[in-house]
Amino acid sequence: MHANRFKVVAGMTITLPVVSVKPFWDSQYEPLLGALVDSYQRLLAATANCNSGLCLQSAGDLEANLRLLEQSITLQFQPADVLGAQENTERHLHAWHDRTQDYLRHKAAEKKDLMVLVAKTAESVGERDQKYNWNLKAQPSGSKTSPNWKTSPECVPA
C-alpha cells in the first residue's frame, strides 16, 4: 500500500492510502471485461447498421468509421484508448446527425414548395372554373349567341 496526495482548493494537502485493485482485476474480473468489450463492439456494429440504414443520403462513411472503431477495440485497450474511441464514436454520430438534419430540412423545404405550387394551381383552376360557370349562367338559354348544336355545321355528319 502506498500514499497518494490530493490537493484541495483551500491549499491543504490531504494524504490518503490507495489500494491497488490490479491483482483482483486480473483474476476475478477478466470475464467481465471481455463481456464489456464484446458488448461495446456489438453496440458499435448495431449503431453502424441502424443509423446508416435510416437515411442513405446522409450516411456517408458512418458505417465504415464505426466498423473500424469496432475492430480496433480489444482487451488490451488502455483507458486513454477507450476515451478516444468514445470521442471518435460521438464525433462520427454527431456528424451523421448534422448531415441527416440538413438533408431532411432540404427535403422538407422541397415538399413545402411543391405543396404551395399545388395549392396555387388548384386556386387558379378553381377561379377559372368559377369564371366559366358564371359566363354560362349569364347567357339566357334561348339566346341567339348560344350555339345551336343540332344545326351547327361542325356537328352535322358529312
C-alpha atoms as a PDB file:
ATOM      1  CA  MET A   1       0.000   0.000   0.000  1.00  0.00           C
ATOM      2  CA  HIS A   2       1.287   3.469  -0.794  1.00  0.00           C
ATOM      3  CA  ALA A   3       0.104   7.002  -0.196  1.00  0.00           C
ATOM      4  CA  ASN A   4      -1.363   9.275  -2.834  1.00  0.00           C
ATOM      5  CA  ARG A   5      -1.648  13.038  -2.379  1.00  0.00           C
ATOM      6  CA  PHE A   6      -4.673  15.096  -3.384  1.00  0.00           C
ATOM      7  CA  LYS A   7      -4.575  18.877  -3.252  1.00  0.00           C
ATOM      8  CA  VAL A   8      -7.652  20.681  -2.049  1.00  0.00           C
ATOM      9  CA  VAL A   9      -8.698  24.118  -3.325  1.00  0.00           C
ATOM     10  CA  ALA A  10      -8.037  25.747   0.051  1.00  0.00           C
ATOM     11  CA  GLY A  11      -4.358  24.849  -0.354  1.00  0.00           C
ATOM     12  CA  MET A  12      -4.337  21.976   2.129  1.00  0.00           C
ATOM     13  CA  THR A  13      -2.758  18.658   1.136  1.00  0.00           C
ATOM     14  CA  ILE A  14      -4.592  15.514   2.149  1.00  0.00           C
ATOM     15  CA  THR A  15      -2.794  12.165   2.127  1.00  0.00           C
ATOM     16  CA  LEU A  16      -4.903   9.033   1.653  1.00  0.00           C
ATOM     17  CA  PRO A  17      -3.858   5.400   1.381  1.00  0.00           C
ATOM     18  CA  VAL A  18      -4.507   3.833  -2.052  1.00  0.00           C
ATOM     19  CA  VAL A  19      -5.090   0.128  -2.557  1.00  0.00           C
ATOM     20  CA  SER A  20      -4.313  -1.404  -5.940  1.00  0.00           C
ATOM     21  CA  VAL A  21      -7.137  -3.469  -7.430  1.00  0.00           C
ATOM     22  CA  LYS A  22      -4.977  -4.844 -10.254  1.00  0.00           C
ATOM     23  CA  PRO A  23      -4.488  -8.299  -8.656  1.00  0.00           C
ATOM     24  CA  PHE A  24      -8.249  -8.650  -8.210  1.00  0.00           C
ATOM     25  CA  TRP A  25      -8.982  -7.335 -11.672  1.00  0.00           C
ATOM     26  CA  ASP A  26      -6.625  -9.711 -13.443  1.00  0.00           C
ATOM     27  CA  SER A  27      -8.114 -12.805 -11.933  1.00  0.00           C
ATOM     28  CA  GLN A  28     -11.719 -12.230 -10.996  1.00  0.00           C
ATOM     29  CA  TYR A  29     -12.975  -9.610 -13.447  1.00  0.00           C
ATOM     30  CA  GLU A  30     -11.338 -10.610 -16.717  1.00  0.00           C
ATOM     31  CA  PRO A  31     -14.508 -12.374 -17.979  1.00  0.00           C
ATOM     32  CA  LEU A  32     -16.496  -9.246 -17.140  1.00  0.00           C
ATOM     33  CA  LEU A  33     -14.011  -7.063 -19.019  1.00  0.00           C
ATOM     34  CA  GLY A  34     -14.240  -9.393 -22.028  1.00  0.00           C
ATOM     35  CA  ALA A  35     -18.032  -9.221 -21.914  1.00  0.00           C
ATOM     36  CA  LEU A  36     -17.935  -5.408 -21.718  1.00  0.00           C
ATOM     37  CA  VAL A  37     -15.583  -5.156 -24.690  1.00  0.00           C
ATOM     38  CA  ASP A  38     -17.756  -7.561 -26.672  1.00  0.00           C
ATOM     39  CA  SER A  39     -20.871  -5.606 -25.717  1.00  0.00           C
ATOM     40  CA  TYR A  40     -19.300  -2.308 -26.793  1.00  0.00           C
ATOM     41  CA  GLN A  41     -18.236  -3.850 -30.110  1.00  0.00           C
ATOM     42  CA  ARG A  42     -21.752  -5.164 -30.719  1.00  0.00           C
ATOM     43  CA  LEU A  43     -23.223  -1.783 -29.811  1.00  0.00           C
ATOM     44  CA  LEU A  44     -20.986  -0.082 -32.380  1.00  0.00           C
ATOM     45  CA  ALA A  45     -21.951  -2.676 -35.011  1.00  0.00           C
ATOM     46  CA  ALA A  46     -25.666  -2.245 -34.299  1.00  0.00           C
ATOM     47  CA  THR A  47     -25.331   1.532 -34.374  1.00  0.00           C
ATOM     48  CA  ALA A  48     -23.494   1.324 -37.705  1.00  0.00           C
ATOM     49  CA  ASN A  49     -26.213  -0.919 -39.173  1.00  0.00           C
ATOM     50  CA  CYS A  50     -29.190   1.033 -37.881  1.00  0.00           C
ATOM     51  CA  ASN A  51     -28.061   4.608 -38.374  1.00  0.00           C
ATOM     52  CA  SER A  52     -26.558   4.206 -41.818  1.00  0.00           C
ATOM     53  CA  GLY A  53     -29.754   2.468 -42.984  1.00  0.00           C
ATOM     54  CA  LEU A  54     -32.048   5.209 -41.703  1.00  0.00           C
ATOM     55  CA  CYS A  55     -31.060   7.835 -44.239  1.00  0.00           C
ATOM     56  CA  LEU A  56     -28.839   6.547 -47.025  1.00  0.00           C
ATOM     57  CA  GLN A  57     -28.301  10.026 -48.478  1.00  0.00           C
ATOM     58  CA  SER A  58     -26.612  11.266 -45.312  1.00  0.00           C
ATOM     59  CA  ALA A  59     -24.945   8.077 -44.093  1.00  0.00           C
ATOM     60  CA  GLY A  60     -21.654   8.909 -45.777  1.00  0.00           C
ATOM     61  CA  ASP A  61     -18.835   6.967 -44.168  1.00  0.00           C
ATOM     62  CA  LEU A  62     -20.595   6.466 -40.825  1.00  0.00           C
ATOM     63  CA  GLU A  63     -20.846   2.692 -41.129  1.00  0.00           C
ATOM     64  CA  ALA A  64     -17.220   2.287 -42.234  1.00  0.00           C
ATOM     65  CA  ASN A  65     -15.937   4.527 -39.426  1.00  0.00           C
ATOM     66  CA  LEU A  66     -17.953   2.745 -36.745  1.00  0.00           C
ATOM     67  CA  ARG A  67     -16.828  -0.642 -38.083  1.00  0.00           C
ATOM     68  CA  LEU A  68     -13.185   0.490 -37.845  1.00  0.00           C
ATOM     69  CA  LEU A  69     -13.760   1.590 -34.260  1.00  0.00           C
ATOM     70  CA  GLU A  70     -15.448  -1.718 -33.502  1.00  0.00           C
ATOM     71  CA  GLN A  71     -12.479  -3.686 -34.830  1.00  0.00           C
ATOM     72  CA  SER A  72      -9.943  -1.526 -33.011  1.00  0.00           C
ATOM     73  CA  ILE A  73     -11.367  -2.208 -29.542  1.00  0.00           C
ATOM     74  CA  THR A  74      -9.581  -5.071 -27.803  1.00  0.00           C
ATOM     75  CA  LEU A  75      -8.917  -6.336 -24.297  1.00  0.00           C
ATOM     76  CA  GLN A  76      -5.522  -4.621 -24.458  1.00  0.00           C
ATOM     77  CA  PHE A  77      -7.137  -1.191 -24.698  1.00  0.00           C
ATOM     78  CA  GLN A  78      -5.798   1.387 -22.278  1.00  0.00           C
ATOM     79  CA  PRO A  79      -8.123   3.882 -20.564  1.00  0.00           C
ATOM     80  CA  ALA A  80      -6.973   6.653 -22.906  1.00  0.00           C
ATOM     81  CA  ASP A  81      -7.806   4.419 -25.882  1.00  0.00           C
ATOM     82  CA  VAL A  82     -11.317   3.817 -24.542  1.00  0.00           C
ATOM     83  CA  LEU A  83     -11.880   7.548 -24.117  1.00  0.00           C
ATOM     84  CA  GLY A  84     -10.508   8.170 -27.620  1.00  0.00           C
ATOM     85  CA  ALA A  85     -12.861   5.553 -29.061  1.00  0.00           C
ATOM     86  CA  GLN A  86     -15.773   7.161 -27.235  1.00  0.00           C
ATOM     87  CA  GLU A  87     -14.872  10.601 -28.578  1.00  0.00           C
ATOM     88  CA  ASN A  88     -14.472   9.244 -32.126  1.00  0.00           C
ATOM     89  CA  THR A  89     -17.807   7.462 -31.901  1.00  0.00           C
ATOM     90  CA  GLU A  90     -19.536  10.613 -30.675  1.00  0.00           C
ATOM     91  CA  ARG A  91     -17.843  12.701 -33.390  1.00  0.00           C
ATOM     92  CA  HIS A  92     -18.986  10.326 -36.141  1.00  0.00           C
ATOM     93  CA  LEU A  93     -22.528  10.145 -34.785  1.00  0.00           C
ATOM     94  CA  HIS A  94     -22.792  13.938 -34.435  1.00  0.00           C
ATOM     95  CA  ALA A  95     -21.517  14.422 -37.997  1.00  0.00           C
ATOM     96  CA  TRP A  96     -24.100  11.916 -39.232  1.00  0.00           C
ATOM     97  CA  HIS A  97     -26.780  13.699 -37.200  1.00  0.00           C
ATOM     98  CA  ASP A  98     -25.876  17.052 -38.748  1.00  0.00           C
ATOM     99  CA  ARG A  99     -25.837  15.642 -42.301  1.00  0.00           C
ATOM    100  CA  THR A 100     -29.186  13.907 -41.765  1.00  0.00           C
ATOM    101  CA  GLN A 101     -30.743  17.008 -40.255  1.00  0.00           C
ATOM    102  CA  ASP A 102     -29.577  19.158 -43.189  1.00  0.00           C
ATOM    103  CA  TYR A 103     -30.831  16.593 -45.709  1.00  0.00           C
ATOM    104  CA  LEU A 104     -34.255  16.319 -44.057  1.00  0.00           C
ATOM    105  CA  ARG A 105     -34.599  20.118 -43.812  1.00  0.00           C
ATOM    106  CA  HIS A 106     -33.810  20.386 -47.521  1.00  0.00           C
ATOM    107  CA  LYS A 107     -36.368  17.680 -48.370  1.00  0.00           C
ATOM    108  CA  ALA A 108     -38.999  19.342 -46.165  1.00  0.00           C
ATOM    109  CA  ALA A 109     -38.408  22.673 -47.940  1.00  0.00           C
ATOM    110  CA  GLU A 110     -38.780  20.944 -51.325  1.00  0.00           C
ATOM    111  CA  LYS A 111     -42.052  19.330 -50.239  1.00  0.00           C
ATOM    112  CA  LYS A 112     -43.338  22.641 -48.870  1.00  0.00           C
ATOM    113  CA  ASP A 113     -42.544  24.395 -52.170  1.00  0.00           C
ATOM    114  CA  LEU A 114     -44.317  21.620 -54.064  1.00  0.00           C
ATOM    115  CA  MET A 115     -47.397  21.878 -51.825  1.00  0.00           C
ATOM    116  CA  VAL A 116     -47.505  25.671 -52.307  1.00  0.00           C
ATOM    117  CA  LEU A 117     -47.314  25.156 -56.079  1.00  0.00           C
ATOM    118  CA  VAL A 118     -50.143  22.593 -55.979  1.00  0.00           C
ATOM    119  CA  ALA A 119     -52.264  24.928 -53.837  1.00  0.00           C
ATOM    120  CA  LYS A 120     -51.726  27.868 -56.224  1.00  0.00           C
ATOM    121  CA  THR A 121     -52.552  25.671 -59.202  1.00  0.00           C
ATOM    122  CA  ALA A 122     -55.746  24.453 -57.536  1.00  0.00           C
ATOM    123  CA  GLU A 123     -56.707  28.020 -56.686  1.00  0.00           C
ATOM    124  CA  SER A 124     -56.108  29.131 -60.281  1.00  0.00           C
ATOM    125  CA  VAL A 125     -58.162  26.257 -61.697  1.00  0.00           C
ATOM    126  CA  GLY A 126     -60.948  26.992 -59.236  1.00  0.00           C
ATOM    127  CA  GLU A 127     -61.033  30.671 -60.224  1.00  0.00           C
ATOM    128  CA  ARG A 128     -61.121  29.759 -63.921  1.00  0.00           C
ATOM    129  CA  ASP A 129     -63.944  27.274 -63.349  1.00  0.00           C
ATOM    130  CA  GLN A 130     -65.946  29.886 -61.451  1.00  0.00           C
ATOM    131  CA  LYS A 131     -65.414  32.391 -64.281  1.00  0.00           C
ATOM    132  CA  TYR A 132     -66.614  29.948 -66.937  1.00  0.00           C
ATOM    133  CA  ASN A 133     -69.527  28.840 -64.786  1.00  0.00           C
ATOM    134  CA  TRP A 134     -70.563  32.474 -64.291  1.00  0.00           C
ATOM    135  CA  ASN A 135     -70.328  33.133 -68.079  1.00  0.00           C
ATOM    136  CA  LEU A 136     -72.529  30.123 -68.843  1.00  0.00           C
ATOM    137  CA  LYS A 137     -75.137  31.138 -66.267  1.00  0.00           C
ATOM    138  CA  ALA A 138     -75.153  34.736 -67.544  1.00  0.00           C
ATOM    139  CA  GLN A 139     -76.302  33.714 -71.037  1.00  0.00           C
ATOM    140  CA  PRO A 140     -80.047  33.102 -71.440  1.00  0.00           C
ATOM    141  CA  SER A 141     -80.961  29.606 -72.588  1.00  0.00           C
ATOM    142  CA  GLY A 142     -82.704  30.737 -75.810  1.00  0.00           C
ATOM    143  CA  SER A 143     -80.100  33.318 -76.689  1.00  0.00           C
ATOM    144  CA  LYS A 144     -79.057  33.785 -80.310  1.00  0.00           C
ATOM    145  CA  THR A 145     -75.453  33.903 -79.227  1.00  0.00           C
ATOM    146  CA  SER A 146     -75.535  30.385 -77.860  1.00  0.00           C
ATOM    147  CA  PRO A 147     -74.678  27.786 -80.452  1.00  0.00           C
ATOM    148  CA  ASN A 148     -77.397  25.558 -81.822  1.00  0.00           C
ATOM    149  CA  TRP A 149     -75.696  22.201 -81.588  1.00  0.00           C
ATOM    150  CA  LYS A 150     -78.220  20.356 -83.761  1.00  0.00           C
ATOM    151  CA  THR A 151     -77.823  22.621 -86.806  1.00  0.00           C
ATOM    152  CA  SER A 152     -74.273  23.726 -86.386  1.00  0.00           C
ATOM    153  CA  PRO A 153     -72.213  22.718 -89.472  1.00  0.00           C
ATOM    154  CA  GLU A 154     -69.445  21.312 -87.247  1.00  0.00           C
ATOM    155  CA  CYS A 155     -71.891  18.862 -85.631  1.00  0.00           C
ATOM    156  CA  VAL A 156     -73.742  17.681 -88.745  1.00  0.00           C
ATOM    157  CA  PRO A 157     -72.431  14.357 -90.055  1.00  0.00           C
ATOM    158  CA  ALA A 158     -70.997  14.505 -93.576  1.00  0.00           C
END
